[in-house]
Amino acid sequence: MKASKTLTDNLQLVLVDLIELHLQGKQAHWNLVGKNFRDLHLQLDEIVADAREFTDVTAERMRALHAVPDGRGEAVAKNTSLPPFPEGLIDTKDAVTLVVAMLESTVERMREVHDEVDEEDPTTADLLHGFIAKLEQYAWMVNAENLKATATVVKPSKAYGEGATQ
């Protein structure tokens, strides 16, 4: 099978967002400061590793379909849908918000092109399904860092809690 221009263009859009996700993920990883630094620092390594893998899978799929991927910085900067990442040190709370936005933007782009990709090449659409599922999982997990709990904790009575004798 040879990719049409539409399929090639759609996969190119996915590719540049995955490259940018990798780059911004590393930028965040290197410049985090604040509460829960270590956890987010390590989680960003996981996100970056998967973004790199998804980038390679996408580019190699493009080549298998006789399309030519363009991962040059110029192509990425010109075509990414990800919002810019700020320069300098960043507080972990702000980084969480930015990382979730990066992940959601990448997923949104994949969802935008999905139907056209699926129409021409269901195999490639299956790859996008896997990418979307993993990136949405990361968005949920990272976002949980800034969420507030809503459960009401009831302290146990003496009969069942502290000081109870059996």
Protein backbone atom coordinates (compact mmCIF):
# COMPACT_ATOMS: atom_id res chain seq x y z
CA MET A 1 0.00 0.00 0.00
CA LYS A 2 1.14 3.52 -0.76
CA ALA A 3 -0.07 6.37 1.43
CA SER A 4 -2.14 9.08 -0.19
CA LYS A 5 -1.22 12.73 0.31
CA THR A 6 -4.00 12.99 2.92
CA LEU A 7 -2.70 10.03 4.92
CA THR A 8 0.87 11.31 4.63
CA ASP A 9 -0.14 14.80 5.78
CA ASN A 10 -2.14 13.43 8.70
CA LEU A 11 0.68 11.21 9.88
CA GLN A 12 3.12 14.10 9.50
CA LEU A 13 0.92 16.16 11.86
CA VAL A 14 0.97 13.34 14.41
CA LEU A 15 4.73 12.98 14.00
CA VAL A 16 5.57 16.62 14.68
CA ASP A 17 3.38 16.68 17.78
CA LEU A 18 5.05 13.54 19.13
CA ILE A 19 8.49 15.04 18.49
CA GLU A 20 7.45 18.26 20.23
CA LEU A 21 5.97 16.27 23.13
CA HIS A 22 9.33 14.56 23.56
CA LEU A 23 11.23 17.85 23.42
CA GLN A 24 8.93 19.71 25.79
CA GLY A 25 8.82 16.74 28.13
CA LYS A 26 12.61 16.87 28.42
CA GLN A 27 12.54 20.65 28.89
CA ALA A 28 10.11 20.20 31.79
CA HIS A 29 12.13 17.27 33.17
CA TRP A 30 15.33 19.30 33.32
CA ASN A 31 13.84 22.46 34.81
CA LEU A 32 11.40 21.26 37.47
CA VAL A 33 11.57 22.63 40.99
CA GLY A 34 9.27 22.32 43.96
CA LYS A 35 7.04 19.91 45.80
CA ASN A 36 6.94 16.32 44.51
CA PHE A 37 9.86 17.10 42.21
CA ARG A 38 11.19 13.55 42.13
CA ASP A 39 7.87 11.89 41.28
CA LEU A 40 7.12 14.25 38.39
CA HIS A 41 10.75 14.15 37.22
CA LEU A 42 10.57 10.35 36.94
CA GLN A 43 7.10 10.40 35.40
CA LEU A 44 8.32 12.77 32.71
CA ASP A 45 11.03 10.24 31.84
CA GLU A 46 8.28 7.67 31.20
CA ILE A 47 6.28 10.09 29.06
CA VAL A 48 9.35 11.10 27.06
CA ALA A 49 10.36 7.48 26.49
CA ASP A 50 6.90 6.62 25.15
CA ALA A 51 6.75 9.79 23.04
CA ARG A 52 10.07 8.84 21.47
CA GLU A 53 8.87 5.30 20.82
CA PHE A 54 5.58 6.55 19.32
CA THR A 55 7.57 8.97 17.15
CA ASP A 56 9.70 6.16 15.79
CA VAL A 57 6.69 3.90 15.21
CA THR A 58 4.91 6.70 13.35
CA ALA A 59 7.90 7.57 11.16
CA GLU A 60 8.60 3.93 10.37
CA ARG A 61 4.93 3.36 9.54
CA MET A 62 5.12 6.31 7.18
CA ARG A 63 8.15 4.77 5.46
CA ALA A 64 6.37 1.41 5.23
CA LEU A 65 3.61 3.28 3.38
CA HIS A 66 6.18 4.96 1.07
CA ALA A 67 5.69 8.36 2.73
CA VAL A 68 8.61 10.53 3.81
CA PRO A 69 8.55 11.73 7.44
CA ASP A 70 9.94 15.17 8.22
CA GLY A 71 11.32 15.43 11.74
CA ARG A 72 13.45 18.51 11.17
CA GLY A 73 13.22 21.25 13.79
CA GLU A 74 11.81 23.66 11.22
CA ALA A 75 8.96 21.28 10.34
CA VAL A 76 8.20 20.61 13.99
CA ALA A 77 8.18 24.29 14.99
CA LYS A 78 6.02 25.26 12.02
CA ASN A 79 3.39 22.52 12.38
CA THR A 80 3.06 21.47 16.01
CA SER A 81 -0.24 22.00 17.79
CA LEU A 82 1.40 22.01 21.22
CA PRO A 83 1.45 25.31 23.10
CA PRO A 84 4.95 26.69 23.70
CA PHE A 85 6.73 25.64 26.88
CA PRO A 86 8.13 28.46 29.04
CA GLU A 87 11.82 29.14 29.45
CA GLY A 88 13.57 28.76 32.80
CA LEU A 89 12.81 26.91 36.02
CA ILE A 90 9.22 25.85 36.53
CA ASP A 91 7.33 24.96 39.67
CA THR A 92 5.99 21.42 39.68
CA LYS A 93 2.40 22.63 40.12
CA ASP A 94 2.67 24.78 36.97
CA ALA A 95 4.53 22.00 35.17
CA VAL A 96 1.64 19.61 35.85
CA THR A 97 -0.76 22.03 34.14
CA LEU A 98 1.60 22.45 31.17
CA VAL A 99 2.34 18.73 30.79
CA VAL A 100 -1.36 17.89 30.82
CA ALA A 101 -1.93 20.55 28.14
CA MET A 102 0.89 19.02 26.05
CA LEU A 103 -0.57 15.55 26.34
CA GLU A 104 -4.11 16.69 25.61
CA SER A 105 -3.01 18.70 22.59
CA THR A 106 -1.16 15.69 21.18
CA VAL A 107 -4.20 13.46 21.71
CA GLU A 108 -6.55 16.05 20.24
CA ARG A 109 -4.49 16.17 17.04
CA MET A 110 -4.54 12.36 16.81
CA ARG A 111 -8.31 12.35 17.27
CA GLU A 112 -8.72 15.06 14.61
CA VAL A 113 -6.94 12.97 11.96
CA HIS A 114 -8.14 9.57 13.14
CA ASP A 115 -11.20 9.11 10.91
CA GLU A 116 -9.34 9.98 7.72
CA VAL A 117 -6.47 7.71 8.75
CA ASP A 118 -8.87 4.89 9.59
CA GLU A 119 -10.71 5.25 6.29
CA GLU A 120 -7.52 4.71 4.31
CA ASP A 121 -5.48 2.50 6.63
CA PRO A 122 -7.09 0.79 9.64
CA THR A 123 -3.72 -0.67 10.63
CA THR A 124 -2.28 2.81 11.16
CA ALA A 125 -5.46 3.85 12.98
CA ASP A 126 -4.88 0.96 15.37
CA LEU A 127 -1.46 2.43 16.18
CA LEU A 128 -3.10 5.77 16.94
CA HIS A 129 -5.58 4.01 19.26
CA GLY A 130 -2.71 2.68 21.34
CA PHE A 131 -0.95 6.05 21.44
CA ILE A 132 -4.15 7.84 22.48
CA ALA A 133 -4.91 5.36 25.26
CA LYS A 134 -1.42 5.69 26.77
CA LEU A 135 -1.21 9.48 26.47
CA GLU A 136 -4.67 9.90 28.01
CA GLN A 137 -3.58 7.67 30.88
CA TYR A 138 -0.53 9.87 31.42
CA ALA A 139 -2.70 13.01 31.33
CA TRP A 140 -4.97 11.55 34.02
CA MET A 141 -2.05 10.48 36.20
CA VAL A 142 -0.14 13.75 35.91
CA ASN A 143 -3.28 15.84 36.43
CA ALA A 144 -4.07 13.93 39.64
CA GLU A 145 -1.10 15.70 41.22
CA ASN A 146 -3.01 19.02 41.28
CA LEU A 147 -6.51 17.69 42.03
CA LYS A 148 -8.15 18.11 45.41
CA ALA A 149 -9.71 15.13 47.15
CA THR A 150 -13.49 15.20 47.53
CA ALA A 151 -14.04 12.27 49.88
CA THR A 152 -15.06 12.95 53.45
CA VAL A 153 -12.98 10.93 55.85
CA VAL A 154 -14.80 9.79 58.96
CA LYS A 155 -12.54 9.08 61.89
CA PRO A 156 -13.05 5.60 63.26
CA SER A 157 -14.72 5.26 66.65
CA LYS A 158 -12.79 3.89 69.61
CA ALA A 159 -14.51 0.58 69.15
CA TYR A 160 -12.86 0.17 65.74
CA GLY A 161 -9.93 2.55 65.85
CA GLU A 162 -7.20 3.81 68.10
CA GLY A 163 -7.24 2.70 71.67
CA ALA A 164 -9.75 -0.07 71.15
CA THR A 165 -9.13 -3.25 73.08
CA GLN A 166 -10.00 -6.64 71.73
